Amino acid sequence: MKKINIFLILLILALPCFSLAQEEREALIQSKSIKLGIGLEYLSRTIRWGDDNDNSKFKSLFFTFSTQFEVKEGLYASASFGYSFSNYEGLQFMKLPFTLDPGDRSIEGYLLGIEIKKNIVNREELEIDVLGQFFWYLGSSETWKIPEESLNVPGTAQGSPTWTRISIGPVFTYKGFESLTPYLYLSFNKLQGTFTMDETIQELEGHEELKIYGKSSFCTSLGGIYEISEIFSINPEASFMPYRGGVDLSLSVKALLSF
């Protein structure tokens, strides 16, 4: 009897989930547009870590695959998956038994992203949307060998980075041209994460986590969608992220296939 009661409770609790999944599936089937994209992005950002005076460069190259569909008129959702090569020049793990600098080694990793865009103004030549983006990065675990001439004993270190990037803001799109649709995206853009390192030198062991933050919190993106045909288009974009003392840069290009 108890098993039957538990089954009934679970069934009742699951009904809303089945209903929500059905609504999402119907929205996808009835979607007015579906776009598949393949993209390439180069990102260079100044990051701070430890004390505010500790700065270094974070550079990454992403290869991404994305799917965008129109949930309902004026509301778009997109999911993306990517692979990247990143390096963290100038980081120093100073609380380990032996101070370690990851150097310019390229660290591979995976990227997952979600985007939501909602139209708020739609006129003949001007469109204004609100765009929110969330990206999560998981770096692979890498091993560094400590030169024996530095310690006269063998030693290794193993570490991996993770970070998130969040942006939200308005997108202004001009629709007055025939095949080119330029846009301006002004956003609050935040990058933060953690680089974890474990070091072993014979009996000595150490663990350190460095919190990393992007120095810039605001971003201006200029881009455009160039329609080559009814179903194929190209989307280049350049982003500028100013901070006190400099400007960071991001360049990307995406090929889009519409259905």
Protein backbone atom coordinates (compact mmCIF):
# COMPACT_ATOMS: atom_id res chain seq x y z
CA MET A 1 0.00 0.00 0.00
CA LYS A 2 2.83 2.40 0.85
CA LYS A 3 4.45 1.75 -2.53
CA ILE A 4 1.14 2.53 -4.29
CA ASN A 5 0.75 5.78 -2.33
CA ILE A 6 4.29 6.85 -3.14
CA PHE A 7 3.70 6.06 -6.81
CA LEU A 8 0.52 8.16 -6.86
CA ILE A 9 2.28 11.09 -5.19
CA LEU A 10 5.13 10.95 -7.69
CA LEU A 11 2.66 10.74 -10.57
CA ILE A 12 0.76 13.81 -9.34
CA LEU A 13 3.99 15.77 -8.91
CA ALA A 14 5.18 14.75 -12.39
CA LEU A 15 2.03 15.87 -14.22
CA PRO A 16 3.04 19.58 -14.31
CA CYS A 17 6.45 18.60 -15.68
CA PHE A 18 4.86 16.55 -18.48
CA SER A 19 2.57 19.47 -19.27
CA LEU A 20 5.47 21.94 -19.40
CA ALA A 21 7.53 19.62 -21.61
CA GLN A 22 4.55 19.23 -23.96
CA GLU A 23 4.13 23.03 -24.20
CA GLU A 24 7.84 23.51 -24.98
CA ARG A 25 7.72 20.77 -27.63
CA GLU A 26 4.64 22.32 -29.25
CA ALA A 27 6.30 25.76 -29.17
CA LEU A 28 9.34 24.33 -30.94
CA ILE A 29 7.18 22.58 -33.56
CA GLN A 30 5.11 25.73 -34.16
CA SER A 31 8.19 27.95 -34.18
CA LYS A 32 8.15 30.51 -36.97
CA SER A 33 11.91 30.30 -37.47
CA ILE A 34 14.78 28.00 -36.59
CA LYS A 35 18.43 28.92 -37.13
CA LEU A 36 21.49 26.71 -36.92
CA GLY A 37 24.85 28.43 -36.47
CA ILE A 38 28.55 27.64 -36.59
CA GLY A 39 30.76 30.32 -35.04
CA LEU A 40 34.32 31.34 -34.28
CA GLU A 41 35.22 33.89 -31.57
CA TYR A 42 38.50 35.39 -30.37
CA LEU A 43 38.37 36.93 -26.89
CA SER A 44 41.06 38.97 -25.16
CA ARG A 45 40.30 40.34 -21.70
CA THR A 46 42.29 41.85 -18.88
CA ILE A 47 41.60 40.03 -15.62
CA ARG A 48 42.42 40.80 -12.01
CA TRP A 49 43.15 38.19 -9.38
CA GLY A 50 44.30 38.14 -5.78
CA ASP A 51 44.80 41.77 -4.84
CA ASP A 52 43.27 44.39 -7.14
CA ASN A 53 46.79 45.29 -8.35
CA ASP A 54 47.41 41.80 -9.75
CA ASN A 55 46.44 41.93 -13.45
CA SER A 56 47.06 39.60 -16.36
CA LYS A 57 45.73 38.73 -19.81
CA PHE A 58 43.16 36.07 -20.55
CA LYS A 59 42.91 35.03 -24.21
CA SER A 60 40.64 32.42 -25.72
CA LEU A 61 39.56 31.04 -29.10
CA PHE A 62 36.09 29.45 -29.29
CA PHE A 63 34.47 27.18 -31.84
CA THR A 64 30.71 27.08 -31.27
CA PHE A 65 27.56 25.36 -32.55
CA SER A 66 24.18 26.95 -31.81
CA THR A 67 20.46 26.51 -32.35
CA GLN A 68 17.98 29.40 -32.17
CA PHE A 69 14.21 29.15 -32.39
CA GLU A 70 11.32 31.55 -32.01
CA VAL A 71 9.32 30.49 -28.95
CA LYS A 72 6.54 32.89 -29.88
CA GLU A 73 6.34 36.09 -31.86
CA GLY A 74 9.08 38.41 -30.67
CA LEU A 75 10.65 35.97 -28.20
CA TYR A 76 13.75 33.97 -29.20
CA ALA A 77 15.76 31.32 -27.34
CA SER A 78 19.17 29.97 -28.27
CA ALA A 79 21.43 27.23 -26.92
CA SER A 80 25.09 26.79 -27.87
CA PHE A 81 27.91 24.36 -27.31
CA GLY A 82 31.56 25.09 -27.95
CA TYR A 83 35.18 24.01 -27.66
CA SER A 84 37.96 26.42 -26.78
CA PHE A 85 41.68 26.96 -26.37
CA SER A 86 42.57 29.45 -23.62
CA ASN A 87 45.63 30.75 -21.84
CA TYR A 88 46.10 32.79 -18.68
CA GLU A 89 49.31 34.75 -18.99
CA GLY A 90 50.78 36.22 -15.82
CA LEU A 91 48.85 34.27 -13.18
CA GLN A 92 50.92 33.26 -10.16
CA PHE A 93 50.04 30.66 -7.54
CA MET A 94 52.13 31.92 -4.64
CA LYS A 95 50.62 29.92 -1.75
CA LEU A 96 51.84 26.59 -3.08
CA PRO A 97 55.06 24.98 -1.79
CA PHE A 98 56.72 26.14 -5.02
CA THR A 99 55.38 29.30 -6.71
CA LEU A 100 53.89 28.36 -10.06
CA ASP A 101 53.12 30.39 -13.19
CA PRO A 102 50.95 28.51 -15.75
CA GLY A 103 52.72 30.49 -18.48
CA ASP A 104 51.35 30.70 -22.01
CA ARG A 105 50.17 27.08 -22.20
CA SER A 106 46.91 26.65 -24.11
CA ILE A 107 44.23 24.94 -21.98
CA GLU A 108 41.39 23.17 -23.75
CA GLY A 109 37.84 23.37 -22.47
CA TYR A 110 34.11 23.23 -23.15
CA LEU A 111 31.61 26.06 -23.38
CA LEU A 112 27.84 25.97 -22.83
CA GLY A 113 25.64 28.97 -23.54
CA ILE A 114 22.03 30.16 -23.33
CA GLU A 115 20.58 33.31 -24.92
CA ILE A 116 17.15 34.89 -24.58
CA LYS A 117 16.05 37.81 -26.79
CA LYS A 118 12.76 39.71 -26.41
CA ASN A 119 11.52 42.28 -28.90
CA ILE A 120 10.13 45.49 -27.35
CA VAL A 121 10.00 47.87 -30.35
CA ASN A 122 9.40 46.79 -33.95
CA ARG A 123 9.03 49.55 -36.53
CA GLU A 124 9.63 49.68 -40.26
CA GLU A 125 13.34 50.56 -40.03
CA LEU A 126 14.14 50.22 -36.31
CA GLU A 127 13.95 47.26 -33.98
CA ILE A 128 14.84 47.31 -30.28
CA ASP A 129 15.33 44.08 -28.33
CA VAL A 130 16.56 43.09 -24.89
CA LEU A 131 19.22 40.37 -25.05
CA GLY A 132 20.48 38.26 -22.15
CA GLN A 133 23.38 35.81 -22.46
CA PHE A 134 24.89 33.28 -20.05
CA PHE A 135 28.00 31.23 -20.84
CA TRP A 136 29.66 28.61 -18.65
CA TYR A 137 33.19 27.36 -19.33
CA LEU A 138 34.83 24.21 -17.95
CA GLY A 139 38.54 23.81 -18.61
CA SER A 140 40.24 20.44 -18.84
CA SER A 141 42.65 19.32 -16.14
CA GLU A 142 46.27 20.04 -17.07
CA THR A 143 49.56 18.90 -15.52
CA TRP A 144 52.69 21.02 -15.08
CA LYS A 145 56.08 19.50 -14.32
CA ILE A 146 58.28 21.47 -11.97
CA PRO A 147 61.88 21.59 -13.28
CA GLU A 148 64.10 19.40 -11.12
CA GLU A 149 66.94 21.92 -11.38
CA SER A 150 64.74 24.35 -9.42
CA LEU A 151 64.25 22.01 -6.45
CA ASN A 152 66.64 19.08 -7.02
CA VAL A 153 63.58 16.82 -6.53
CA PRO A 154 60.72 15.97 -8.93
CA GLY A 155 57.39 17.72 -8.56
CA THR A 156 54.13 18.17 -10.44
CA ALA A 157 51.11 20.43 -10.32
CA GLN A 158 47.61 19.83 -11.67
CA GLY A 159 45.00 22.50 -12.26
CA SER A 160 41.90 23.52 -14.18
CA PRO A 161 39.95 26.78 -14.69
CA THR A 162 36.20 27.44 -14.74
CA TRP A 163 34.39 30.70 -15.40
CA THR A 164 31.07 32.26 -16.30
CA ARG A 165 30.22 35.21 -18.53
CA ILE A 166 26.92 37.07 -18.18
CA SER A 167 25.69 39.94 -20.33
CA ILE A 168 22.38 41.78 -20.63
CA GLY A 169 21.30 44.93 -22.41
CA PRO A 170 19.44 46.50 -25.35
CA VAL A 171 20.06 45.73 -29.03
CA PHE A 172 19.32 48.45 -31.62
CA THR A 173 18.85 47.06 -35.14
CA TYR A 174 18.50 49.11 -38.33
CA LYS A 175 16.40 47.42 -41.04
CA GLY A 176 16.61 50.03 -43.79
CA PHE A 177 19.07 48.16 -46.01
CA GLU A 178 18.10 45.36 -48.34
CA SER A 179 20.53 42.57 -47.48
CA LEU A 180 22.53 44.01 -44.56
CA THR A 181 21.07 44.41 -41.06
CA PRO A 182 23.51 46.29 -38.76
CA TYR A 183 23.01 46.40 -35.00
CA LEU A 184 24.43 47.91 -31.81
CA TYR A 185 24.42 45.92 -28.56
CA LEU A 186 25.09 47.83 -25.31
CA SER A 187 25.44 45.48 -22.37
CA PHE A 188 26.50 44.95 -18.81
CA ASN A 189 29.13 42.22 -19.25
CA LYS A 190 30.62 40.32 -16.33
CA LEU A 191 33.35 37.65 -16.42
CA GLN A 192 34.41 35.78 -13.30
CA GLY A 193 35.76 32.38 -12.40
CA THR A 194 38.22 30.22 -10.48
CA PHE A 195 41.54 28.63 -11.36
CA THR A 196 42.34 25.71 -9.04
CA MET A 197 45.84 24.27 -8.66
CA ASP A 198 47.15 21.28 -6.65
CA GLU A 199 50.90 20.77 -6.26
CA THR A 200 52.86 17.74 -5.07
CA ILE A 201 56.60 17.75 -4.34
CA GLN A 202 57.50 14.45 -2.69
CA GLU A 203 55.83 14.68 0.77
CA LEU A 204 54.82 18.32 0.30
CA GLU A 205 51.31 19.03 -0.96
CA GLY A 206 49.56 22.33 -1.62
CA HIS A 207 46.20 23.58 -2.86
CA GLU A 208 45.28 27.07 -4.06
CA GLU A 209 42.27 28.67 -5.73
CA LEU A 210 42.65 31.95 -7.58
CA LYS A 211 39.49 34.00 -8.11
CA ILE A 212 39.60 35.80 -11.45
CA TYR A 213 37.48 38.76 -12.56
CA GLY A 214 37.24 40.68 -15.81
CA LYS A 215 38.31 44.31 -15.24
CA SER A 216 35.63 45.62 -17.60
CA SER A 217 31.92 45.36 -16.78
CA PHE A 218 30.46 47.10 -19.83
CA CYS A 219 30.57 46.16 -23.48
CA THR A 220 29.74 47.80 -26.81
CA SER A 221 29.19 45.39 -29.70
CA LEU A 222 28.90 46.40 -33.36
CA GLY A 223 27.73 43.78 -35.80
CA GLY A 224 25.57 42.96 -38.74
CA ILE A 225 23.75 40.12 -40.47
CA TYR A 226 24.50 39.87 -44.19
CA GLU A 227 21.99 37.72 -46.08
CA ILE A 228 23.69 35.82 -48.87
CA SER A 229 20.51 33.90 -49.72
CA GLU A 230 17.08 33.28 -48.25
CA ILE A 231 18.42 30.59 -45.94
CA PHE A 232 22.12 31.44 -45.52
CA SER A 233 23.64 34.49 -43.79
CA ILE A 234 26.88 35.68 -42.16
CA ASN A 235 27.04 37.49 -38.80
CA PRO A 236 30.36 39.27 -37.99
CA GLU A 237 30.68 41.17 -34.70
CA ALA A 238 33.30 43.27 -32.89
CA SER A 239 33.03 44.01 -29.16
CA PHE A 240 34.89 46.61 -27.10
CA MET A 241 35.12 46.43 -23.28
CA PRO A 242 36.70 49.56 -21.76
CA TYR A 243 38.26 49.72 -18.31
CA ARG A 244 40.43 52.23 -16.51
CA GLY A 245 43.68 52.21 -18.44
CA GLY A 246 42.70 50.22 -21.51
CA VAL A 247 40.16 48.50 -23.76
CA ASP A 248 39.60 44.77 -24.25
CA LEU A 249 38.50 43.26 -27.55
CA SER A 250 36.40 40.41 -28.88
CA LEU A 251 35.94 39.42 -32.54
CA SER A 252 33.50 36.82 -33.79
CA VAL A 253 31.90 35.53 -36.99
CA LYS A 254 28.97 33.14 -37.33
CA ALA A 255 27.45 31.35 -40.30
CA LEU A 256 23.65 30.96 -40.00
CA LEU A 257 21.31 28.55 -41.73
CA SER A 258 17.60 29.41 -41.47
CA PHE A 259 14.59 27.11 -41.77
